[in-house]
């Protein structure tokens, strides 16, 4: 009876992980595509996964437990700290193992700078909210809530986050692991969804603008 109960307890996080993170763990070569299609497609996919996960958490009436609450001024302060932490972590990782620009985003293909900036913003926001809700808010909460220690939960969360960036090669995975560790630490110290997502989105947006040459 205890075994069945334990299986039922772990069923939800296992299924959610397979649904949200599973596809990204399968080795594949991304098809060649233009920046506009890549940004729009990735934003829509991330938004749909975020919405699904939000519904799953909401049905269990655990939104606040997982760091989902109304935005506040504190979230803006946390976001600034998250952005700075991500920048420092990524800089340190790049100094050890540089990430090829070709591995992170497709060519702009002559798209208008304004369109690239708008789509980059939509992409950054959608991806940041999906990744922070799943990897940091949900997964850390689900693991620690089922008896896992904070360090073990952070290791699992960061490991899956790094594995999801396998398409960027070993350098990209190392960078994601360093950045993911900083984000996991922020969540374990009380950062909520909006603060994490805003800081993450700001960082991704800056990286995309620089990669596309819009900020040059």
Protein backbone atom coordinates (compact mmCIF):
# COMPACT_ATOMS: atom_id res chain seq x y z
CA UNK A 1 0.00 0.00 0.00
CA UNK A 2 2.86 2.39 0.83
CA UNK A 3 4.55 1.58 -2.48
CA UNK A 4 1.42 2.39 -4.47
CA UNK A 5 1.04 5.65 -2.57
CA UNK A 6 4.63 6.64 -3.30
CA UNK A 7 4.19 5.88 -7.00
CA UNK A 8 1.07 8.00 -7.10
CA UNK A 9 2.88 10.82 -5.33
CA UNK A 10 5.69 10.87 -7.89
CA UNK A 11 3.47 10.26 -10.93
CA UNK A 12 2.64 13.91 -11.58
CA UNK A 13 6.18 15.39 -11.57
CA UNK A 14 7.47 12.49 -13.67
CA UNK A 15 4.74 12.92 -16.28
CA UNK A 16 5.10 16.70 -16.32
CA UNK A 17 8.86 16.39 -16.75
CA UNK A 18 8.42 13.98 -19.66
CA UNK A 19 5.90 16.29 -21.30
CA UNK A 20 7.78 19.57 -20.82
CA UNK A 21 11.45 18.60 -20.81
CA UNK A 22 11.35 15.22 -22.54
CA UNK A 23 11.34 16.44 -26.17
CA UNK A 24 14.38 18.63 -25.52
CA UNK A 25 16.37 15.66 -24.21
CA UNK A 26 16.13 13.77 -27.52
CA UNK A 27 19.25 14.40 -29.66
CA UNK A 28 18.37 16.10 -32.94
CA UNK A 29 19.72 18.55 -35.45
CA UNK A 30 17.52 21.67 -35.64
CA UNK A 31 16.36 22.27 -39.22
CA UNK A 32 17.79 25.27 -41.02
CA UNK A 33 15.28 28.09 -40.74
CA UNK A 34 15.17 31.86 -40.74
CA UNK A 35 15.20 33.97 -37.62
CA UNK A 36 11.58 35.08 -37.93
CA UNK A 37 10.22 31.53 -38.19
CA UNK A 38 12.52 30.30 -35.42
CA UNK A 39 11.60 33.08 -32.99
CA UNK A 40 7.87 32.90 -33.67
CA UNK A 41 7.71 29.09 -33.54
CA UNK A 42 9.74 28.82 -30.36
CA UNK A 43 7.69 31.56 -28.67
CA UNK A 44 4.41 29.83 -29.49
CA UNK A 45 5.68 26.45 -28.30
CA UNK A 46 7.00 27.90 -25.06
CA UNK A 47 3.77 29.80 -24.40
CA UNK A 48 1.65 26.66 -24.92
CA UNK A 49 3.83 24.64 -22.52
CA UNK A 50 3.77 27.45 -19.95
CA UNK A 51 -0.02 27.63 -20.13
CA UNK A 52 -0.38 23.86 -19.75
CA UNK A 53 1.91 23.77 -16.73
CA UNK A 54 0.16 26.75 -15.15
CA UNK A 55 -3.18 24.95 -15.50
CA UNK A 56 -1.74 21.78 -13.94
CA UNK A 57 -0.41 23.70 -10.94
CA UNK A 58 -3.56 25.79 -10.67
CA UNK A 59 -5.83 22.75 -10.63
CA UNK A 60 -3.96 21.59 -7.55
CA UNK A 61 -4.41 25.04 -6.01
CA UNK A 62 -0.67 25.30 -5.45
CA UNK A 63 0.16 28.47 -7.39
CA UNK A 64 1.45 30.45 -4.41
CA UNK A 65 3.30 27.40 -3.12
CA UNK A 66 5.24 27.29 -6.38
CA UNK A 67 6.05 31.00 -6.42
CA UNK A 68 3.21 32.13 -8.68
CA UNK A 69 1.62 35.32 -7.38
CA UNK A 70 0.73 38.83 -8.53
CA UNK A 71 3.73 40.92 -9.67
CA UNK A 72 5.19 43.26 -7.07
CA UNK A 73 7.94 45.85 -6.72
CA UNK A 74 10.03 43.19 -5.01
CA UNK A 75 9.91 41.11 -8.19
CA UNK A 76 11.47 43.98 -10.14
CA UNK A 77 14.35 44.19 -7.65
CA UNK A 78 14.81 40.42 -7.82
CA UNK A 79 14.76 40.57 -11.62
CA UNK A 80 17.62 43.06 -11.64
CA UNK A 81 19.62 40.75 -9.40
CA UNK A 82 18.78 37.71 -11.54
CA UNK A 83 19.85 39.54 -14.70
CA UNK A 84 23.17 40.50 -13.10
CA UNK A 85 23.73 36.97 -11.78
CA UNK A 86 22.99 35.43 -15.19
CA UNK A 87 25.32 37.89 -16.90
CA UNK A 88 28.15 37.12 -14.48
CA UNK A 89 27.56 33.37 -14.68
CA UNK A 90 27.43 33.36 -18.47
CA UNK A 91 30.55 35.52 -18.69
CA UNK A 92 32.44 33.15 -16.40
CA UNK A 93 31.26 30.11 -18.39
CA UNK A 94 32.17 31.74 -21.72
CA UNK A 95 35.66 32.49 -20.43
CA UNK A 96 36.15 28.78 -19.81
CA UNK A 97 34.32 27.36 -22.84
CA UNK A 98 33.25 29.89 -25.51
CA UNK A 99 29.83 29.26 -27.08
CA UNK A 100 29.67 29.50 -30.85
CA UNK A 101 27.20 32.15 -32.00
CA UNK A 102 26.09 29.80 -34.76
CA UNK A 103 24.85 27.32 -32.16
CA UNK A 104 22.49 29.69 -30.43
CA UNK A 105 20.38 31.32 -33.14
CA UNK A 106 19.83 31.27 -36.92
CA UNK A 107 20.89 34.03 -39.28
CA UNK A 108 18.73 37.14 -39.43
CA UNK A 109 18.24 36.65 -43.20
CA UNK A 110 17.67 40.34 -43.87
CA UNK A 111 14.72 40.68 -41.49
CA UNK A 112 13.93 44.24 -40.42
CA UNK A 113 15.60 45.23 -37.11
CA UNK A 114 12.25 46.31 -35.63
CA UNK A 115 10.69 42.93 -36.44
CA UNK A 116 13.66 41.08 -34.99
CA UNK A 117 13.51 43.17 -31.81
CA UNK A 118 9.76 42.59 -31.37
CA UNK A 119 9.99 38.86 -32.02
CA UNK A 120 13.07 38.58 -29.82
CA UNK A 121 11.13 40.20 -26.97
CA UNK A 122 8.20 37.79 -27.44
CA UNK A 123 10.60 34.84 -27.62
CA UNK A 124 12.54 35.93 -24.53
CA UNK A 125 9.41 36.44 -22.43
CA UNK A 126 7.74 33.17 -23.48
CA UNK A 127 10.87 31.05 -23.05
CA UNK A 128 11.80 32.67 -19.74
CA UNK A 129 8.36 32.13 -18.22
CA UNK A 130 8.25 28.51 -19.42
CA UNK A 131 11.72 27.66 -18.17
CA UNK A 132 11.38 29.43 -14.84
CA UNK A 133 7.93 28.00 -14.12
CA UNK A 134 9.08 24.46 -14.91
CA UNK A 135 12.77 24.17 -13.98
CA UNK A 136 12.86 26.48 -10.99
CA UNK A 137 9.36 26.98 -9.56
CA UNK A 138 7.65 23.68 -10.33
CA UNK A 139 10.47 21.15 -10.40
CA UNK A 140 12.30 22.46 -7.33
CA UNK A 141 9.02 22.68 -5.43
CA UNK A 142 7.87 19.22 -6.51
CA UNK A 143 11.16 17.60 -5.52
CA UNK A 144 11.64 19.32 -2.17
CA UNK A 145 7.96 18.80 -1.40
CA UNK A 146 8.49 15.06 -1.79
CA UNK A 147 11.45 14.86 0.55
CA UNK A 148 14.41 15.70 -1.68
CA UNK A 149 17.08 17.96 -0.21
CA UNK A 150 17.60 21.45 -1.63
CA UNK A 151 20.98 20.58 -3.15
CA UNK A 152 19.68 17.38 -4.73
CA UNK A 153 16.64 19.18 -6.15
CA UNK A 154 18.83 21.95 -7.54
CA UNK A 155 21.14 19.37 -9.11
CA UNK A 156 18.25 17.62 -10.87
CA UNK A 157 16.73 20.92 -12.02
CA UNK A 158 20.04 22.26 -13.30
CA UNK A 159 20.98 18.96 -14.92
CA UNK A 160 17.75 18.83 -16.90
CA UNK A 161 18.11 22.51 -17.80
CA UNK A 162 21.62 21.89 -19.14
CA UNK A 163 20.51 18.77 -21.02
CA UNK A 164 17.77 20.82 -22.67
CA UNK A 165 20.51 22.97 -24.22
CA UNK A 166 22.33 20.00 -25.77
CA UNK A 167 21.58 21.39 -29.24
CA UNK A 168 24.12 24.12 -28.44
CA UNK A 169 26.86 21.55 -27.92
CA UNK A 170 29.01 20.90 -24.83
CA UNK A 171 29.85 24.60 -24.43
CA UNK A 172 26.18 25.54 -24.40
CA UNK A 173 25.38 22.87 -21.85
CA UNK A 174 28.16 24.05 -19.54
CA UNK A 175 26.94 27.64 -19.83
CA UNK A 176 23.35 26.53 -19.13
CA UNK A 177 24.52 24.55 -16.08
CA UNK A 178 26.31 27.57 -14.60
CA UNK A 179 23.39 29.90 -15.30
CA UNK A 180 20.86 27.30 -14.13
CA UNK A 181 22.70 26.91 -10.84
CA UNK A 182 22.46 30.66 -10.23
CA UNK A 183 18.73 30.64 -11.02
CA UNK A 184 18.09 27.61 -8.80
CA UNK A 185 19.90 29.33 -5.94
CA UNK A 186 17.76 32.43 -6.42
CA UNK A 187 14.56 30.38 -6.29
CA UNK A 188 15.67 28.49 -3.20
CA UNK A 189 16.33 31.85 -1.56
CA UNK A 190 12.73 32.91 -2.17
CA UNK A 191 12.67 34.46 -5.66
CA UNK A 192 9.23 34.09 -7.25
CA UNK A 193 8.19 33.39 -10.83
CA UNK A 194 7.94 36.97 -12.07
CA UNK A 195 11.28 38.06 -10.67
CA UNK A 196 13.03 35.02 -12.14
CA UNK A 197 11.29 35.30 -15.51
CA UNK A 198 11.81 39.05 -15.93
CA UNK A 199 15.53 38.80 -15.22
CA UNK A 200 15.87 35.74 -17.45
CA UNK A 201 13.91 37.39 -20.27
CA UNK A 202 16.01 40.55 -20.08
CA UNK A 203 19.17 38.49 -20.37
CA UNK A 204 17.89 36.41 -23.31
CA UNK A 205 16.64 39.55 -25.05
CA UNK A 206 20.04 41.22 -24.74
CA UNK A 207 21.79 38.10 -26.05
CA UNK A 208 19.44 37.86 -29.03
CA UNK A 209 19.81 41.53 -29.97
CA UNK A 210 23.58 41.21 -29.82
CA UNK A 211 23.48 37.95 -31.80
CA UNK A 212 21.33 39.44 -34.54
CA UNK A 213 23.38 42.62 -34.59
CA UNK A 214 20.37 44.76 -33.71
CA UNK A 215 22.11 46.30 -30.70
CA UNK A 216 25.29 47.03 -32.69
